[in-house]
C-alpha cells in the first residue's frame, strides 16, 4: 500500500495537477495534496471491505436476495473499476500515463458514494 500511496502523490506532483475533487462530506481536495492521497487510500480500503462483505452475503443468500446482491456488486465494481485498476497497476509495477492515472484518480468520489450506498443496502437486507 505504501507504493500506492507514493504513486498517487508522485502522479499528482509530476502532472502538475491543479484539479480538485469533492468528497461526500463536502471537502474539496486537490489531486496533488496529501489529504487526497489519504482519502484515495481510505476509499480504496472501504470499497474492498464492502466488496468482501457482499461476497460473503451472496454465499448465504436466498435466490431473490442473491439477485439484489448481484446488482449491488455490479454497481460497486463499475463505480470503482478505475480505482481498482490504478491500485492493481501500482501493485504490479505497470506503468500508466500520467493523464490516465489522474483521470482514474478522479473517480474516487463516485466509488465512495457507491460504496456507501452498497454498505447501507447490505445493512438493510
N, C-alpha and C. Protein backbone atom coordinates (compact mmCIF):
# COMPACT_ATOMS: atom_id res chain seq x y z
N UNK A 1 0.82 -1.19 0.00
CA UNK A 1 0.00 0.00 0.00
C UNK A 1 0.87 1.26 0.00
N UNK A 2 2.08 1.16 0.53
CA UNK A 2 2.98 2.32 0.54
C UNK A 2 3.31 2.74 -0.89
N UNK A 3 3.46 1.76 -1.78
CA UNK A 3 3.74 2.08 -3.18
C UNK A 3 2.57 2.83 -3.79
N UNK A 4 1.35 2.38 -3.50
CA UNK A 4 0.16 3.06 -3.99
C UNK A 4 0.13 4.49 -3.48
N UNK A 5 0.38 4.66 -2.21
CA UNK A 5 0.36 5.99 -1.59
C UNK A 5 1.40 6.90 -2.26
N UNK A 6 2.62 6.41 -2.40
CA UNK A 6 3.68 7.20 -3.02
C UNK A 6 3.33 7.53 -4.46
N UNK A 7 2.77 6.57 -5.18
CA UNK A 7 2.47 6.76 -6.59
C UNK A 7 1.41 7.83 -6.80
N UNK A 8 0.41 7.87 -5.97
CA UNK A 8 -0.65 8.87 -6.10
C UNK A 8 -0.06 10.26 -5.93
N UNK A 9 0.75 10.44 -4.91
CA UNK A 9 1.37 11.74 -4.67
C UNK A 9 2.31 12.09 -5.81
N UNK A 10 3.13 11.14 -6.22
CA UNK A 10 4.06 11.38 -7.32
C UNK A 10 3.32 11.74 -8.59
N UNK A 11 2.26 11.00 -8.87
CA UNK A 11 1.45 11.27 -10.05
C UNK A 11 0.96 12.70 -10.06
N UNK A 12 0.39 13.12 -8.97
CA UNK A 12 -0.17 14.47 -8.91
C UNK A 12 0.92 15.53 -9.03
N UNK A 13 2.04 15.31 -8.38
CA UNK A 13 3.13 16.28 -8.43
C UNK A 13 3.74 16.36 -9.83
N UNK A 14 3.99 15.22 -10.44
CA UNK A 14 4.60 15.21 -11.77
C UNK A 14 3.66 15.78 -12.82
N UNK A 15 2.40 15.51 -12.68
CA UNK A 15 1.44 16.00 -13.65
C UNK A 15 1.14 17.48 -13.44
N UNK A 16 1.53 18.00 -12.30
CA UNK A 16 1.25 19.40 -12.01
C UNK A 16 -0.24 19.65 -11.89
N UNK A 17 -0.95 18.66 -11.44
CA UNK A 17 -2.40 18.73 -11.39
C UNK A 17 -2.88 19.81 -10.44
N UNK A 18 -3.76 20.63 -10.94
CA UNK A 18 -4.45 21.59 -10.09
C UNK A 18 -5.90 21.16 -9.95
N UNK A 19 -6.23 20.01 -10.53
CA UNK A 19 -7.59 19.51 -10.48
C UNK A 19 -8.00 19.20 -9.05
N UNK A 20 -9.28 19.31 -8.81
CA UNK A 20 -9.81 19.02 -7.49
C UNK A 20 -10.97 18.05 -7.60
N UNK A 21 -11.27 17.42 -6.49
CA UNK A 21 -12.46 16.58 -6.38
C UNK A 21 -13.18 17.01 -5.11
N UNK A 22 -14.47 16.69 -5.05
CA UNK A 22 -15.26 16.99 -3.86
C UNK A 22 -15.70 15.66 -3.25
N UNK A 23 -15.39 15.47 -1.98
CA UNK A 23 -15.73 14.23 -1.29
C UNK A 23 -17.20 14.26 -0.86
N UNK A 24 -17.70 13.14 -0.40
CA UNK A 24 -19.10 13.07 0.04
C UNK A 24 -19.38 13.98 1.23
N UNK A 25 -18.37 14.25 2.03
CA UNK A 25 -18.60 15.14 3.17
C UNK A 25 -18.39 16.61 2.81
N UNK A 26 -18.23 16.89 1.51
CA UNK A 26 -18.15 18.26 1.04
C UNK A 26 -16.77 18.88 0.99
N UNK A 27 -15.76 18.13 1.38
CA UNK A 27 -14.40 18.67 1.31
C UNK A 27 -13.93 18.71 -0.14
N UNK A 28 -13.23 19.77 -0.49
CA UNK A 28 -12.61 19.89 -1.80
C UNK A 28 -11.13 19.61 -1.64
N UNK A 29 -10.66 18.61 -2.38
CA UNK A 29 -9.27 18.18 -2.27
C UNK A 29 -8.58 18.31 -3.61
N UNK A 30 -7.37 18.83 -3.59
CA UNK A 30 -6.54 18.89 -4.79
C UNK A 30 -5.88 17.53 -5.00
N UNK A 31 -5.78 17.12 -6.25
CA UNK A 31 -5.18 15.82 -6.55
C UNK A 31 -3.73 15.74 -6.10
N UNK A 32 -3.07 16.87 -5.95
CA UNK A 32 -1.66 16.83 -5.56
C UNK A 32 -1.46 17.04 -4.07
N UNK A 33 -2.53 16.86 -3.28
CA UNK A 33 -2.42 17.07 -1.83
C UNK A 33 -2.27 15.75 -1.08
N UNK A 34 -1.67 15.85 0.08
CA UNK A 34 -1.56 14.67 0.95
C UNK A 34 -2.94 14.24 1.43
N UNK A 35 -3.85 15.19 1.60
CA UNK A 35 -5.21 14.86 2.02
C UNK A 35 -5.89 13.99 0.98
N UNK A 36 -5.65 14.28 -0.31
CA UNK A 36 -6.23 13.45 -1.36
C UNK A 36 -5.65 12.04 -1.31
N UNK A 37 -4.36 11.94 -1.11
CA UNK A 37 -3.72 10.63 -1.01
C UNK A 37 -4.38 9.79 0.08
N UNK A 38 -4.57 10.40 1.26
CA UNK A 38 -5.20 9.68 2.37
C UNK A 38 -6.65 9.32 2.04
N UNK A 39 -7.35 10.24 1.41
CA UNK A 39 -8.74 10.00 1.01
C UNK A 39 -8.81 8.84 0.02
N UNK A 40 -7.96 8.85 -1.00
CA UNK A 40 -7.94 7.80 -2.01
C UNK A 40 -7.72 6.44 -1.37
N UNK A 41 -6.77 6.37 -0.47
CA UNK A 41 -6.47 5.10 0.19
C UNK A 41 -7.65 4.64 1.05
N UNK A 42 -8.29 5.58 1.76
CA UNK A 42 -9.44 5.23 2.59
C UNK A 42 -10.59 4.69 1.74
N UNK A 43 -10.89 5.36 0.64
CA UNK A 43 -11.97 4.90 -0.24
C UNK A 43 -11.64 3.53 -0.80
N UNK A 44 -10.40 3.32 -1.22
CA UNK A 44 -9.98 2.03 -1.74
C UNK A 44 -10.19 0.92 -0.71
N UNK A 45 -9.78 1.17 0.51
CA UNK A 45 -9.92 0.16 1.57
C UNK A 45 -11.39 -0.10 1.91
N UNK A 46 -12.19 0.96 1.99
CA UNK A 46 -13.61 0.81 2.31
C UNK A 46 -14.34 0.00 1.25
N UNK A 47 -14.07 0.30 -0.02
CA UNK A 47 -14.77 -0.45 -1.07
C UNK A 47 -14.33 -1.90 -1.08
N UNK A 48 -13.08 -2.18 -0.77
CA UNK A 48 -12.64 -3.57 -0.67
C UNK A 48 -13.36 -4.30 0.46
N UNK A 49 -13.54 -3.63 1.58
CA UNK A 49 -14.23 -4.25 2.71
C UNK A 49 -15.70 -4.52 2.37
N UNK A 50 -16.35 -3.56 1.74
CA UNK A 50 -17.75 -3.74 1.36
C UNK A 50 -17.87 -4.84 0.31
N UNK A 51 -16.96 -4.90 -0.64
CA UNK A 51 -16.98 -5.95 -1.66
C UNK A 51 -16.83 -7.34 -1.02
N UNK A 52 -15.99 -7.44 -0.02
CA UNK A 52 -15.81 -8.71 0.69
C UNK A 52 -17.08 -9.09 1.44
N UNK A 53 -17.68 -8.14 2.13
CA UNK A 53 -18.94 -8.39 2.84
C UNK A 53 -20.02 -8.83 1.86
N UNK A 54 -20.06 -8.19 0.72
CA UNK A 54 -21.03 -8.51 -0.32
C UNK A 54 -20.82 -9.94 -0.83
N UNK A 55 -19.60 -10.35 -1.02
CA UNK A 55 -19.31 -11.70 -1.49
C UNK A 55 -19.77 -12.75 -0.49
N UNK A 56 -19.53 -12.52 0.79
CA UNK A 56 -19.98 -13.46 1.81
C UNK A 56 -21.50 -13.48 1.90
N UNK A 57 -22.13 -12.34 1.73
CA UNK A 57 -23.60 -12.27 1.77
C UNK A 57 -24.20 -13.07 0.61
N UNK A 58 -23.55 -13.05 -0.54
CA UNK A 58 -24.03 -13.81 -1.69
C UNK A 58 -24.00 -15.30 -1.41
N UNK A 59 -22.99 -15.75 -0.70
CA UNK A 59 -22.87 -17.18 -0.39
C UNK A 59 -24.04 -17.68 0.45
N UNK A 60 -24.61 -16.79 1.26
CA UNK A 60 -25.66 -17.18 2.19
C UNK A 60 -27.05 -16.73 1.77
N UNK A 61 -27.18 -16.15 0.58
CA UNK A 61 -28.43 -15.50 0.18
C UNK A 61 -29.43 -16.47 -0.44
N UNK A 62 -30.71 -16.12 -0.26
CA UNK A 62 -31.77 -16.81 -0.98
C UNK A 62 -31.71 -16.35 -2.44
N UNK A 63 -32.45 -17.01 -3.31
CA UNK A 63 -32.40 -16.68 -4.74
C UNK A 63 -32.80 -15.23 -5.01
N UNK A 64 -33.88 -14.76 -4.41
CA UNK A 64 -34.34 -13.38 -4.64
C UNK A 64 -33.31 -12.40 -4.10
N UNK A 65 -32.83 -12.64 -2.92
CA UNK A 65 -31.84 -11.75 -2.32
C UNK A 65 -30.53 -11.80 -3.10
N UNK A 66 -30.21 -12.95 -3.64
CA UNK A 66 -28.98 -13.11 -4.42
C UNK A 66 -28.98 -12.19 -5.63
N UNK A 67 -30.11 -12.08 -6.32
CA UNK A 67 -30.20 -11.19 -7.49
C UNK A 67 -29.96 -9.74 -7.09
N UNK A 68 -30.50 -9.33 -5.96
CA UNK A 68 -30.28 -7.97 -5.45
C UNK A 68 -28.81 -7.76 -5.15
N UNK A 69 -28.19 -8.73 -4.52
CA UNK A 69 -26.77 -8.63 -4.20
C UNK A 69 -25.90 -8.56 -5.45
N UNK A 70 -26.29 -9.29 -6.49
CA UNK A 70 -25.54 -9.22 -7.76
C UNK A 70 -25.63 -7.82 -8.37
N UNK A 71 -26.81 -7.21 -8.29
CA UNK A 71 -26.97 -5.85 -8.81
C UNK A 71 -26.11 -4.87 -8.02
N UNK A 72 -26.08 -5.04 -6.71
CA UNK A 72 -25.23 -4.18 -5.88
C UNK A 72 -23.76 -4.36 -6.24
N UNK A 73 -23.37 -5.61 -6.44
CA UNK A 73 -21.98 -5.89 -6.79
C UNK A 73 -21.61 -5.27 -8.13
N UNK A 74 -22.49 -5.41 -9.12
CA UNK A 74 -22.22 -4.83 -10.43
C UNK A 74 -22.02 -3.32 -10.34
N UNK A 75 -22.89 -2.66 -9.58
CA UNK A 75 -22.78 -1.20 -9.42
C UNK A 75 -21.47 -0.82 -8.74
N UNK A 76 -21.10 -1.57 -7.71
CA UNK A 76 -19.86 -1.29 -6.98
C UNK A 76 -18.64 -1.50 -7.88
N UNK A 77 -18.62 -2.60 -8.60
CA UNK A 77 -17.49 -2.89 -9.49
C UNK A 77 -17.35 -1.83 -10.58
N UNK A 78 -18.47 -1.40 -11.13
CA UNK A 78 -18.43 -0.38 -12.19
C UNK A 78 -17.93 0.96 -11.64
N UNK A 79 -18.46 1.38 -10.50
CA UNK A 79 -18.09 2.68 -9.93
C UNK A 79 -16.64 2.72 -9.48
N UNK A 80 -16.10 1.58 -9.08
CA UNK A 80 -14.75 1.54 -8.51
C UNK A 80 -13.72 0.92 -9.46
N UNK A 81 -14.10 0.68 -10.70
CA UNK A 81 -13.21 0.00 -11.64
C UNK A 81 -11.90 0.74 -11.84
N UNK A 82 -11.96 2.05 -12.05
CA UNK A 82 -10.72 2.81 -12.27
C UNK A 82 -9.85 2.84 -11.02
N UNK A 83 -10.49 2.98 -9.88
CA UNK A 83 -9.74 2.99 -8.61
C UNK A 83 -8.99 1.67 -8.43
N UNK A 84 -9.69 0.56 -8.69
CA UNK A 84 -9.07 -0.76 -8.56
C UNK A 84 -8.00 -0.99 -9.62
N UNK A 85 -8.24 -0.51 -10.84
CA UNK A 85 -7.25 -0.67 -11.91
C UNK A 85 -5.98 0.10 -11.60
N UNK A 86 -6.12 1.28 -11.05
CA UNK A 86 -4.95 2.08 -10.68
C UNK A 86 -4.17 1.39 -9.57
N UNK A 87 -4.87 0.88 -8.57
CA UNK A 87 -4.20 0.17 -7.48
C UNK A 87 -3.50 -1.10 -8.00
N UNK A 88 -4.17 -1.83 -8.88
CA UNK A 88 -3.57 -3.06 -9.43
C UNK A 88 -2.34 -2.74 -10.28
N UNK A 89 -2.40 -1.68 -11.05
CA UNK A 89 -1.24 -1.29 -11.87
C UNK A 89 -0.05 -0.97 -10.98
N UNK A 90 -0.30 -0.27 -9.91
CA UNK A 90 0.77 0.07 -8.98
C UNK A 90 1.32 -1.18 -8.30
N UNK A 91 0.42 -2.05 -7.88
CA UNK A 91 0.85 -3.29 -7.23
C UNK A 91 1.73 -4.12 -8.15
N UNK A 92 1.37 -4.15 -9.44
CA UNK A 92 2.08 -4.96 -10.42
C UNK A 92 3.23 -4.22 -11.10
N UNK A 93 3.50 -3.01 -10.64
CA UNK A 93 4.56 -2.17 -11.22
C UNK A 93 4.37 -1.94 -12.72
N UNK A 94 3.11 -1.77 -13.12
CA UNK A 94 2.81 -1.46 -14.52
C UNK A 94 2.74 0.05 -14.68
N UNK A 95 3.41 0.55 -15.69
CA UNK A 95 3.40 1.99 -15.94
C UNK A 95 2.11 2.39 -16.65
N UNK A 96 1.53 3.47 -16.19
CA UNK A 96 0.37 4.07 -16.84
C UNK A 96 0.72 5.53 -17.11
N UNK A 97 0.16 6.10 -18.14
CA UNK A 97 0.40 7.51 -18.42
C UNK A 97 -0.12 8.38 -17.29
N UNK A 98 0.51 9.53 -17.11
CA UNK A 98 0.12 10.43 -16.03
C UNK A 98 -1.31 10.93 -16.18
N UNK A 99 -1.70 11.26 -17.39
CA UNK A 99 -3.08 11.74 -17.59
C UNK A 99 -4.09 10.66 -17.27
N UNK A 100 -3.80 9.44 -17.69
CA UNK A 100 -4.70 8.33 -17.39
C UNK A 100 -4.79 8.11 -15.88
N UNK A 101 -3.66 8.14 -15.21
CA UNK A 101 -3.67 7.97 -13.76
C UNK A 101 -4.47 9.07 -13.08
N UNK A 102 -4.31 10.30 -13.54
CA UNK A 102 -5.05 11.42 -12.95
C UNK A 102 -6.55 11.24 -13.19
N UNK A 103 -6.93 10.85 -14.41
CA UNK A 103 -8.35 10.63 -14.71
C UNK A 103 -8.91 9.51 -13.83
N UNK A 104 -8.15 8.45 -13.68
CA UNK A 104 -8.59 7.33 -12.86
C UNK A 104 -8.76 7.76 -11.41
N UNK A 105 -7.84 8.56 -10.92
CA UNK A 105 -7.89 9.01 -9.52
C UNK A 105 -9.12 9.87 -9.25
N UNK A 106 -9.60 10.61 -10.26
CA UNK A 106 -10.75 11.48 -10.03
C UNK A 106 -12.06 10.72 -9.90
N UNK A 107 -12.04 9.41 -10.10
CA UNK A 107 -13.27 8.62 -9.93
C UNK A 107 -13.50 8.22 -8.48
N UNK A 108 -12.60 8.57 -7.59
CA UNK A 108 -12.74 8.19 -6.18
C UNK A 108 -14.06 8.64 -5.55
N UNK A 109 -14.55 9.87 -5.80
CA UNK A 109 -15.83 10.27 -5.17
C UNK A 109 -17.01 9.40 -5.61
N UNK A 110 -17.04 9.00 -6.87
CA UNK A 110 -18.11 8.12 -7.34
C UNK A 110 -18.02 6.76 -6.67
N UNK A 111 -16.81 6.26 -6.54
CA UNK A 111 -16.59 4.99 -5.84
C UNK A 111 -17.02 5.11 -4.38
N UNK A 112 -16.66 6.22 -3.75
CA UNK A 112 -17.02 6.44 -2.35
C UNK A 112 -18.54 6.43 -2.18
N UNK A 113 -19.26 7.14 -3.05
CA UNK A 113 -20.71 7.22 -2.95
C UNK A 113 -21.36 5.86 -3.15
N UNK A 114 -20.90 5.12 -4.14
CA UNK A 114 -21.46 3.80 -4.41
C UNK A 114 -21.13 2.83 -3.28
N UNK A 115 -19.95 2.94 -2.73
CA UNK A 115 -19.56 2.09 -1.60
C UNK A 115 -20.49 2.32 -0.42
N UNK A 116 -20.78 3.57 -0.13
CA UNK A 116 -21.67 3.88 0.99
C UNK A 116 -23.09 3.38 0.73
N UNK A 117 -23.59 3.59 -0.48
CA UNK A 117 -24.94 3.11 -0.81
C UNK A 117 -25.00 1.59 -0.71
N UNK A 118 -23.97 0.92 -1.17
CA UNK A 118 -23.93 -0.54 -1.11
C UNK A 118 -23.89 -1.02 0.33
N UNK A 119 -23.09 -0.38 1.15
CA UNK A 119 -23.00 -0.74 2.56
C UNK A 119 -24.34 -0.55 3.26
N UNK A 120 -25.01 0.56 2.97
CA UNK A 120 -26.33 0.82 3.56
C UNK A 120 -27.35 -0.21 3.10
N UNK A 121 -27.30 -0.58 1.83
CA UNK A 121 -28.22 -1.60 1.30
C UNK A 121 -27.96 -2.95 1.96
N UNK A 122 -26.70 -3.29 2.15
CA UNK A 122 -26.38 -4.55 2.83
C UNK A 122 -26.90 -4.56 4.26
N UNK A 123 -26.77 -3.43 4.94
CA UNK A 123 -27.27 -3.33 6.32
C UNK A 123 -28.79 -3.49 6.37
N UNK A 124 -29.47 -3.04 5.32
CA UNK A 124 -30.93 -3.09 5.29
C UNK A 124 -31.47 -4.47 4.92
N UNK A 125 -30.64 -5.32 4.33
CA UNK A 125 -31.11 -6.65 3.89
C UNK A 125 -31.23 -7.62 5.04
